[in-house]
Protein backbone atom coordinates (compact mmCIF):
# COMPACT_ATOMS: atom_id res chain seq x y z
CA MET A 1 12.48 -20.09 17.92
CA THR A 2 12.12 -16.44 16.95
CA ARG A 3 8.55 -15.15 17.11
CA VAL A 4 7.62 -12.39 14.71
CA VAL A 5 4.33 -10.49 14.51
CA VAL A 6 3.58 -8.55 11.34
CA VAL A 7 1.16 -5.68 12.03
CA ASN A 8 -0.88 -3.27 9.92
CA ALA A 9 -1.32 -5.68 7.02
CA PHE A 10 -4.28 -4.57 4.93
CA ASP A 11 -6.61 -6.33 2.47
CA ARG A 12 -5.46 -8.60 -0.37
CA GLY A 13 -8.02 -6.81 -2.55
CA ASN A 14 -5.43 -4.01 -2.60
CA ARG A 15 -2.90 -5.85 -4.76
CA GLY A 16 -0.13 -3.38 -4.04
CA ASP A 17 -0.48 -3.86 -0.29
CA ALA A 18 -0.66 -7.62 -0.79
CA ALA A 19 2.66 -7.49 -2.69
CA LEU A 20 4.24 -5.52 0.16
CA LEU A 21 3.11 -8.15 2.65
CA SER A 22 4.34 -10.97 0.40
CA VAL A 23 7.80 -9.38 0.10
CA LEU A 24 7.96 -8.77 3.86
CA LEU A 25 7.10 -12.38 4.70
CA ASP A 26 9.75 -13.59 2.26
CA GLN A 27 12.34 -11.26 3.79
CA ILE A 28 11.51 -12.45 7.31
CA ARG A 29 11.83 -16.09 6.28
CA ARG A 30 15.18 -15.45 4.61
CA ALA A 31 16.59 -13.39 7.48
CA LEU A 32 15.18 -15.54 10.29
CA PRO A 33 14.91 -19.17 9.09
CA GLY A 34 12.42 -21.14 11.14
CA ALA A 35 10.81 -18.06 12.64
CA ARG A 36 7.24 -18.44 13.83
CA ILE A 37 5.33 -15.67 12.08
CA ALA A 38 1.81 -14.36 12.65
CA ILE A 39 -0.07 -11.54 10.93
CA ALA A 40 -2.25 -9.06 12.81
CA GLY A 41 -4.11 -7.80 9.76
CA PHE A 42 -7.19 -6.01 8.53
CA GLU A 43 -8.79 -9.11 7.00
CA HIS A 44 -11.39 -10.99 8.99
CA PRO A 45 -9.63 -14.04 10.46
CA ALA A 46 -12.68 -16.24 10.00
CA ARG A 47 -12.85 -15.48 6.26
CA TRP A 48 -9.12 -15.15 5.63
CA PRO A 49 -7.36 -17.31 8.26
CA GLU A 50 -3.98 -17.11 6.52
CA PHE A 51 -1.91 -15.30 3.91
CA GLU A 52 0.70 -17.33 2.04
CA GLY A 53 0.66 -19.90 4.81
CA VAL A 54 1.00 -17.43 7.68
CA PRO A 55 -1.89 -17.31 10.18
CA ASN A 56 -3.96 -14.12 10.45
CA LEU A 57 -4.97 -13.22 13.99
CA GLY A 58 -7.14 -10.24 13.16
CA SER A 59 -6.32 -6.94 14.86
CA PHE A 60 -7.46 -4.09 17.07
CA ARG A 61 -7.90 -1.95 13.98
CA ARG A 62 -10.02 -4.47 12.09
CA TYR A 63 -12.14 -5.28 15.13
CA SER A 64 -12.84 -1.61 15.84
CA GLY A 65 -13.40 -0.60 12.22
CA GLU A 66 -15.56 -3.44 10.86
CA GLU A 67 -18.19 -1.92 8.60
CA ASP A 68 -20.56 -4.92 8.35
CA ILE A 69 -22.00 -4.36 11.80
CA PRO A 70 -24.40 -1.67 13.05
CA ARG A 71 -22.91 1.71 13.91
CA LEU A 72 -23.74 1.38 17.61
CA ARG A 73 -21.79 -1.88 17.81
CA ARG A 74 -18.82 -0.24 16.08
CA ILE A 75 -18.86 2.51 18.69
CA LEU A 76 -19.06 -0.02 21.51
CA ARG A 77 -16.17 -1.94 20.03
CA LYS A 78 -14.02 1.17 19.97
CA LEU A 79 -14.96 1.86 23.57
CA SER A 80 -14.10 -1.72 24.52
CA LEU A 81 -10.53 -1.08 23.32
CA LEU A 82 -9.96 1.90 25.59
CA PRO A 83 -8.35 -0.42 28.15
CA VAL A 84 -5.83 -1.44 25.47
CA VAL A 85 -4.91 2.19 24.95
CA ALA A 86 -4.61 2.54 28.72
CA LEU A 87 -2.30 -0.49 28.84
CA ALA A 88 -0.08 1.11 26.22
CA ALA A 89 0.01 4.46 28.01
CA ALA A 90 0.40 3.20 31.58
CA ARG A 91 3.66 2.03 33.12
CA LEU A 92 2.42 -1.26 34.49
CA PRO A 93 4.28 -4.52 35.14
CA ARG A 94 4.13 -7.05 32.30
CA ARG A 95 2.11 -9.57 34.33
CA ILE A 96 -0.61 -7.00 35.01
CA ARG A 97 -0.85 -6.16 31.32
CA LEU A 98 -1.21 -9.84 30.43
CA ALA A 99 -3.77 -10.38 33.18
CA ALA A 100 -5.79 -7.45 31.90
CA ALA A 101 -5.82 -9.00 28.42
CA ARG A 102 -8.26 -11.62 29.69
CA LEU A 103 -10.93 -8.94 29.85
CA LEU A 104 -10.69 -8.17 26.12
CA PRO A 105 -12.79 -9.69 23.32
CA ALA A 106 -11.16 -12.67 21.60
CA GLU A 107 -9.70 -10.92 18.54
CA PRO A 108 -7.98 -8.03 20.32
CA ARG A 109 -6.84 -10.47 23.03
CA ARG A 110 -5.08 -12.62 20.39
CA GLU A 111 -3.18 -9.64 19.01
CA LEU A 112 -2.18 -8.33 22.42
CA ARG A 113 -0.88 -11.73 23.58
CA ALA A 114 1.01 -12.19 20.30
CA LEU A 115 2.66 -8.80 20.78
CA ALA A 116 3.54 -9.60 24.39
CA THR A 117 5.28 -12.86 23.49
CA ALA A 118 6.99 -11.69 20.27
CA ASP A 119 10.70 -11.19 19.75
CA LEU A 120 10.15 -8.82 16.86
CA VAL A 121 7.23 -6.75 15.57
CA VAL A 122 7.34 -5.44 12.00
CA SER A 123 4.85 -2.98 10.55
CA VAL A 124 4.09 -3.52 6.85
CA GLY A 125 5.22 -0.73 4.55
CA GLY A 126 2.84 1.35 2.46
CA GLY A 127 1.15 4.70 2.71
CA HIS A 128 -1.36 4.29 5.51
CA LEU A 129 0.06 6.49 8.30
CA ASN A 130 -1.32 9.91 7.46
CA GLY A 131 -4.15 12.10 8.58
CA ARG A 132 -6.65 14.82 7.89
CA ALA A 133 -7.78 17.50 10.31
CA ASP A 134 -10.54 15.43 11.89
CA PHE A 135 -11.15 13.11 14.82
CA ALA A 136 -11.58 10.05 12.55
CA SER A 137 -7.97 10.49 11.41
CA ASP A 138 -6.83 10.82 15.02
CA LEU A 139 -8.42 7.46 15.79
CA ASN A 140 -7.04 5.82 12.67
CA ILE A 141 -3.50 6.91 13.52
CA LEU A 142 -3.96 5.73 17.11
CA PHE A 143 -5.04 2.25 16.04
CA LEU A 144 -2.23 2.00 13.48
CA LEU A 145 0.34 2.91 16.11
CA LEU A 146 -1.24 0.96 18.97
CA PRO A 147 0.41 -2.43 18.26
CA LEU A 148 3.82 -0.76 17.95
CA TRP A 149 3.22 1.14 21.18
CA LEU A 150 2.24 -2.03 23.04
CA ALA A 151 5.20 -3.98 21.64
CA GLU A 152 7.54 -1.25 22.88
CA ARG A 153 5.92 -1.44 26.32
CA PHE A 154 6.58 -5.19 26.35
CA GLY A 155 10.24 -4.61 25.46
CA VAL A 156 9.89 -6.07 21.97
CA ARG A 157 12.01 -4.88 19.05
CA VAL A 158 9.97 -2.78 16.57
CA VAL A 159 10.82 -2.12 12.93
CA THR A 160 8.67 -0.41 10.30
CA GLY A 161 8.79 -1.38 6.64
CA PRO A 162 9.39 1.33 4.01
CA GLN A 163 6.48 3.76 4.25
CA SER A 164 5.27 7.17 3.29
CA TYR A 165 4.36 9.37 6.25
CA GLY A 166 2.05 12.33 6.70
CA PRO A 167 0.64 14.78 6.50
CA PHE A 168 -0.23 15.12 10.21
CA PRO A 169 -2.24 18.35 10.42
CA ARG A 170 -3.29 18.00 14.08
CA ARG A 171 -1.08 18.24 17.11
CA VAL A 172 -2.41 15.02 18.64
CA GLN A 173 -1.39 13.14 15.48
CA ARG A 174 2.13 14.57 15.59
CA VAL A 175 2.49 13.76 19.27
CA LEU A 176 1.36 10.15 18.76
CA VAL A 177 3.68 9.59 15.80
CA ARG A 178 6.66 11.16 17.57
CA HIS A 179 6.00 9.24 20.80
CA VAL A 180 5.61 5.79 19.24
CA LEU A 181 7.94 5.89 16.23
CA GLY A 182 10.55 7.69 18.30
CA ARG A 183 10.86 4.52 20.42
CA ALA A 184 11.10 2.10 17.50
CA ASP A 185 14.36 0.35 16.69
CA ALA A 186 14.28 1.34 13.02
CA VAL A 187 11.96 3.41 10.83
CA LEU A 188 12.26 3.05 7.05
CA VAL A 189 10.96 5.82 4.79
CA ARG A 190 10.47 5.44 1.04
CA GLU A 191 10.89 9.04 -0.15
CA ASP A 192 12.51 12.27 1.01
CA ILE A 193 9.35 14.19 1.87
CA SER A 194 8.36 11.53 4.43
CA ARG A 195 11.79 11.66 6.03
CA ASP A 196 11.57 15.45 6.21
CA ARG A 197 8.09 15.33 7.75
CA LEU A 198 9.24 12.96 10.49
CA THR A 199 12.30 14.99 11.36
CA GLU A 200 10.16 18.16 11.44
CA ILE A 201 7.92 16.65 14.12
CA GLY A 202 10.92 15.65 16.23
CA LEU A 203 12.12 12.19 15.23
CA PRO A 204 15.92 11.93 15.28
CA ALA A 205 17.50 11.67 11.83
CA GLN A 206 19.66 8.71 12.89
CA LEU A 207 16.51 6.65 13.55
CA LEU A 208 15.32 7.01 9.96
CA THR A 209 16.61 4.87 7.11
CA ARG A 210 15.97 6.20 3.62
CA SER A 211 14.82 3.13 1.73
CA VAL A 212 12.59 2.29 -1.25
CA ASP A 213 9.17 0.75 -1.71
CA SER A 214 9.31 -3.02 -1.10
CA ALA A 215 7.27 -3.68 -4.26
CA PHE A 216 10.48 -3.11 -6.22
CA ALA A 217 11.65 -6.43 -4.73
CA PHE A 218 8.43 -8.25 -5.67
CA GLU A 219 8.87 -11.04 -8.20
CA THR A 220 5.86 -12.68 -9.75
CA ARG A 221 5.32 -16.40 -9.91
CA SER A 222 2.12 -16.21 -11.94
CA ASP A 223 1.79 -18.16 -15.17
CA ARG A 224 -1.58 -16.68 -16.10
CA ASP A 225 -1.97 -16.11 -19.84
CA TRP A 226 -3.43 -12.63 -19.81
CA ARG A 227 -3.55 -12.08 -23.55
CA THR A 228 -5.73 -15.15 -23.99
CA ALA A 229 -7.84 -14.26 -20.95
CA LEU A 230 -8.48 -10.77 -22.34
CA GLY A 231 -8.91 -11.91 -25.94
CA LEU A 232 -5.97 -9.81 -27.14
CA PRO A 233 -4.04 -10.71 -30.31
CA ALA A 234 -0.42 -11.76 -29.89
CA ASP A 235 0.78 -8.67 -31.78
CA ALA A 236 -1.56 -6.19 -30.05
CA ARG A 237 -0.16 -2.96 -28.68
CA ILE A 238 -1.59 -2.69 -25.20
CA ALA A 239 -2.16 0.29 -22.91
CA MET A 240 -3.37 -0.35 -19.35
CA VAL A 241 -5.09 2.19 -17.16
CA THR A 242 -5.69 2.31 -13.41
CA ALA A 243 -7.98 4.92 -11.89
CA ARG A 244 -9.41 5.68 -8.49
CA GLN A 245 -12.03 7.71 -6.67
CA TRP A 246 -10.22 10.53 -4.89
CA LEU A 247 -11.45 14.07 -5.56
CA ASP A 248 -14.59 16.08 -4.83
CA ASP A 249 -17.36 15.78 -7.42
CA ALA A 250 -16.14 18.58 -9.70
CA GLY A 251 -12.50 17.52 -9.53
CA GLN A 252 -13.35 13.85 -10.03
CA LEU A 253 -15.38 14.72 -13.12
CA ARG A 254 -12.44 16.67 -14.63
CA TYR A 255 -10.08 13.79 -13.87
CA GLU A 256 -12.38 11.19 -15.42
CA ARG A 257 -12.92 13.37 -18.51
CA ALA A 258 -9.16 13.61 -18.92
CA LEU A 259 -8.76 9.83 -18.65
CA THR A 260 -11.57 9.32 -21.15
CA ALA A 261 -9.85 11.69 -23.59
CA GLY A 262 -6.54 9.89 -23.14
CA ILE A 263 -8.07 6.47 -23.63
CA ARG A 264 -9.95 7.62 -26.72
CA HIS A 265 -6.71 9.02 -28.11
CA LEU A 266 -4.85 5.74 -27.57
CA LEU A 267 -7.68 3.79 -29.18
CA GLY A 268 -7.40 6.15 -32.14
CA ARG A 269 -3.70 5.32 -32.40
CA GLY A 270 -4.49 1.61 -32.65
CA TYR A 271 -3.85 0.54 -29.06
CA HIS A 272 -5.90 -2.04 -27.21
CA VAL A 273 -6.79 -0.45 -23.87
CA VAL A 274 -7.44 -2.42 -20.68
CA LEU A 275 -9.07 -0.81 -17.62
CA VAL A 276 -7.59 -2.64 -14.62
CA PRO A 277 -9.05 -2.64 -11.10
CA GLN A 278 -5.87 -2.54 -9.03
CA VAL A 279 -7.92 -2.28 -5.82
CA THR A 280 -11.21 -4.07 -5.13
CA CYS A 281 -11.71 -3.61 -1.38
CA ALA A 282 -15.12 -3.53 0.21
CA TYR A 283 -13.76 -1.35 3.03
CA GLN A 284 -15.01 2.21 2.51
CA GLY A 285 -16.09 1.23 -1.00
CA ASP A 286 -12.54 1.39 -2.35
CA ASP A 287 -13.27 -0.59 -5.52
CA ASP A 288 -11.81 0.62 -8.81
CA ARG A 289 -14.42 -1.26 -10.83
CA ARG A 290 -16.89 1.53 -10.10
CA ILE A 291 -14.85 4.22 -11.82
CA ASN A 292 -13.81 1.81 -14.61
CA THR A 293 -17.48 1.26 -15.37
CA ARG A 294 -18.03 4.99 -15.63
CA LEU A 295 -15.02 5.42 -17.91
CA ALA A 296 -16.13 2.60 -20.20
CA ALA A 297 -19.67 3.97 -20.47
CA GLY A 298 -18.50 6.75 -22.77
CA LEU A 299 -16.02 4.63 -24.71
CA GLU A 300 -17.69 1.82 -26.57
CA HIS A 301 -14.94 0.38 -28.76
CA PRO A 302 -13.97 -3.15 -29.88
CA ARG A 303 -10.39 -2.64 -28.62
CA LEU A 304 -11.46 -1.57 -25.13
CA ARG A 305 -11.41 -4.19 -22.36
CA VAL A 306 -12.77 -3.70 -18.86
CA LEU A 307 -11.37 -6.22 -16.41
CA GLY A 308 -14.28 -6.85 -14.09
CA ASP A 309 -12.87 -9.95 -12.42
CA ASP A 310 -11.56 -9.45 -8.88
CA SER A 311 -10.24 -12.99 -8.42
CA PHE A 312 -6.73 -12.26 -9.70
CA ASP A 313 -4.14 -11.81 -6.98
CA HIS A 314 -1.04 -9.65 -6.59
CA ARG A 315 1.11 -12.09 -8.55
CA ASP A 316 -1.34 -12.13 -11.43
CA ALA A 317 -1.47 -8.33 -11.35
CA ARG A 318 2.31 -8.05 -11.70
CA ALA A 319 2.19 -10.45 -14.67
CA LEU A 320 -0.70 -8.47 -16.20
CA TYR A 321 1.18 -5.16 -16.35
CA ALA A 322 4.20 -6.91 -17.86
CA GLU A 323 2.07 -7.48 -20.98
CA ALA A 324 1.52 -3.76 -21.49
CA ASP A 325 3.37 -1.45 -23.87
CA LEU A 326 2.48 1.52 -21.68
CA VAL A 327 0.56 2.24 -18.49
CA ILE A 328 -1.43 5.26 -17.29
CA GLY A 329 -1.36 4.62 -13.58
CA THR A 330 -3.17 6.43 -10.79
CA ARG A 331 -2.77 3.51 -8.40
CA PHE A 332 0.95 3.82 -7.81
CA HIS A 333 1.68 0.15 -7.24
CA SER A 334 0.32 -0.50 -10.72
CA VAL A 335 3.08 1.88 -11.87
CA ILE A 336 5.72 0.05 -9.82
CA PHE A 337 4.58 -3.34 -11.16
CA ALA A 338 4.88 -1.97 -14.70
CA LEU A 339 8.20 -0.21 -14.19
CA THR A 340 9.83 -3.39 -12.82
CA ALA A 341 8.80 -5.04 -16.10
CA HIS A 342 10.40 -2.09 -18.01
CA VAL A 343 7.02 -0.77 -19.18
CA PRO A 344 6.89 3.04 -19.68
CA CYS A 345 4.36 4.73 -17.40
CA LEU A 346 2.62 8.05 -17.02
CA ALA A 347 1.90 8.35 -13.29
CA ILE A 348 -1.06 10.41 -12.06
CA GLU A 349 -0.14 11.66 -8.60
CA TYR A 350 -2.72 11.73 -5.79
CA ASP A 351 -0.19 11.45 -2.97
CA HIS A 352 3.39 12.59 -2.46
CA LYS A 353 4.76 9.05 -2.73
CA THR A 354 4.20 9.14 -6.49
CA GLY A 355 6.27 12.20 -7.20
CA GLY A 356 8.91 11.26 -4.64
CA ILE A 357 9.56 7.80 -6.02
CA MET A 358 9.38 8.86 -9.66
CA ARG A 359 11.90 11.61 -8.85
CA ASP A 360 14.19 9.01 -7.28
CA LEU A 361 14.15 7.18 -10.60
CA GLY A 362 14.70 10.28 -12.71
CA LEU A 363 11.18 10.02 -14.13
CA GLU A 364 9.59 13.15 -12.68
CA GLN A 365 8.70 14.44 -16.14
CA TRP A 366 6.25 11.55 -16.44
CA VAL A 367 4.15 12.62 -13.43
CA VAL A 368 1.01 14.75 -13.56
CA GLY A 369 -1.08 15.74 -10.56
CA ILE A 370 -4.57 14.25 -10.32
CA GLY A 371 -5.97 17.76 -9.86
CA GLU A 372 -4.07 19.13 -12.86
CA VAL A 373 -4.65 16.46 -15.49
CA ARG A 374 -7.00 17.70 -18.24
CA ASP A 375 -8.69 16.33 -21.32
CA THR A 376 -6.94 19.04 -23.36
CA THR A 377 -3.41 18.05 -22.27
CA LEU A 378 -3.38 14.31 -21.54
CA PRO A 379 -3.39 13.16 -25.20
CA ALA A 380 -0.22 15.19 -25.90
CA LEU A 381 1.48 13.70 -22.83
CA LEU A 382 0.63 10.22 -24.08
CA ASP A 383 2.02 11.04 -27.54
CA ALA A 384 5.27 12.11 -25.88
CA LEU A 385 5.33 8.90 -23.85
CA VAL A 386 4.90 6.81 -27.00
CA ASP A 387 7.57 8.80 -28.84
CA HIS A 388 10.07 8.37 -25.98
CA ARG A 389 9.25 4.75 -25.10
CA ASP A 390 12.60 3.32 -26.25
CA THR A 391 14.56 5.96 -24.31
CA TYR A 392 12.32 5.33 -21.30
CA ARG A 393 13.01 1.57 -21.38
CA ARG A 394 16.77 2.11 -21.69
CA HIS A 395 16.62 4.42 -18.70
CA LEU A 396 14.72 1.82 -16.65
CA ARG A 397 17.25 -0.89 -17.49
CA GLU A 398 19.97 1.40 -16.18
CA VAL A 399 18.42 2.81 -13.00
CA LEU A 400 16.17 0.03 -11.72
CA PRO A 401 18.72 -2.64 -10.68
CA PRO A 402 20.61 -0.47 -8.14
CA TYR A 403 17.38 1.11 -6.96
CA ALA A 404 15.63 -2.22 -6.43
CA ARG A 405 18.62 -3.52 -4.44
CA ARG A 406 17.85 -0.87 -1.84
CA ALA A 407 14.60 -2.71 -1.16
CA ARG A 408 16.83 -5.15 0.74
CA ASP A 409 17.47 -2.58 3.47
CA LEU A 410 14.75 -4.20 5.54
CA SER A 411 16.38 -7.63 5.11
CA ALA A 412 19.57 -6.28 6.67
CA LEU A 413 17.65 -4.87 9.62
CA LEU A 414 15.85 -8.18 10.11
CA ASP A 415 19.17 -10.03 9.99
CA ALA A 416 20.36 -7.81 12.81
CA ALA A 417 17.26 -8.67 14.83
């Protein structure tokens, strides 16, 4: 029986990341029938023991980064994992590595043993492997790469799902990425700039497969009646908005003013507007309901809905965006969910993945940078989006099928495993 460990899974409160994990598990099951799969994820294994029937072991990263414990304990936990880093770096016999695992706390020990006995380790796609010029980013990159590094030391095949990479402003980050990913069996990248960044730091071009975001292969199985749940008439024209906290105070204020102006403009054109929390993660306070509350505070209107519920999952989210006539999306997986339902989108770019993927689809004219969007210009962009909606939909019907088929690249690699 093939044993597969999926690493770097995040939190189901990030519905885009949950969709990526769902697609990956489905691809593993199709490529490797009967495989025994385990997840080494960021969710607490006591609270979330499984995801779609696959057991969650917890992980080095979750154990070392847990925020619900005192700071001193977090520091001690990170120090307790230094032997794991040493095991990855040292050239020791397998039996010594496994013997040393007995000294680790239970959660890291489970992940290390799973990696040691796996036949294949797959890192979930997404946009998590990047850094800033600080020590916290160095540590984050180390803990993201650590399971891949250990798997390579144990002689296990390593494949990464389609990801965005970089930037890596510090030399230590570039060295870690080059050292670990350079020894993987396959590295999938989801846009050109990530491929270019990896080749610039020394990864061989033949190692990299230019792929697409796995969410383009995500198919919903939700039957949730969103119009009824939101109290929207059957004939309502619906605009959905996703926003996030990202900029410094002055920049964030300009961004939120622009969104407020755009929403007000759509309400004036007769749209029903729904503010959707695409991400509701407790980790580092990444909860879109906070900004949605601020946006709604200046927009009292009978056709405005603020979705405050966080109980809907990634399948429900995909079904939700399919009800829209247009989407203003800062959270890029909300844009992908909408595009796959042929819903025209204006994407607000906070990371290079947005522009790269929209350019792949020939939709770069419908991207505006989060630092450049303004209350004086957003309404006109939305008018253009409404005016071109039929052309936009025809374009999506033409370009999406061949593009989405490329999301099967990972399936082919898993078949080969």
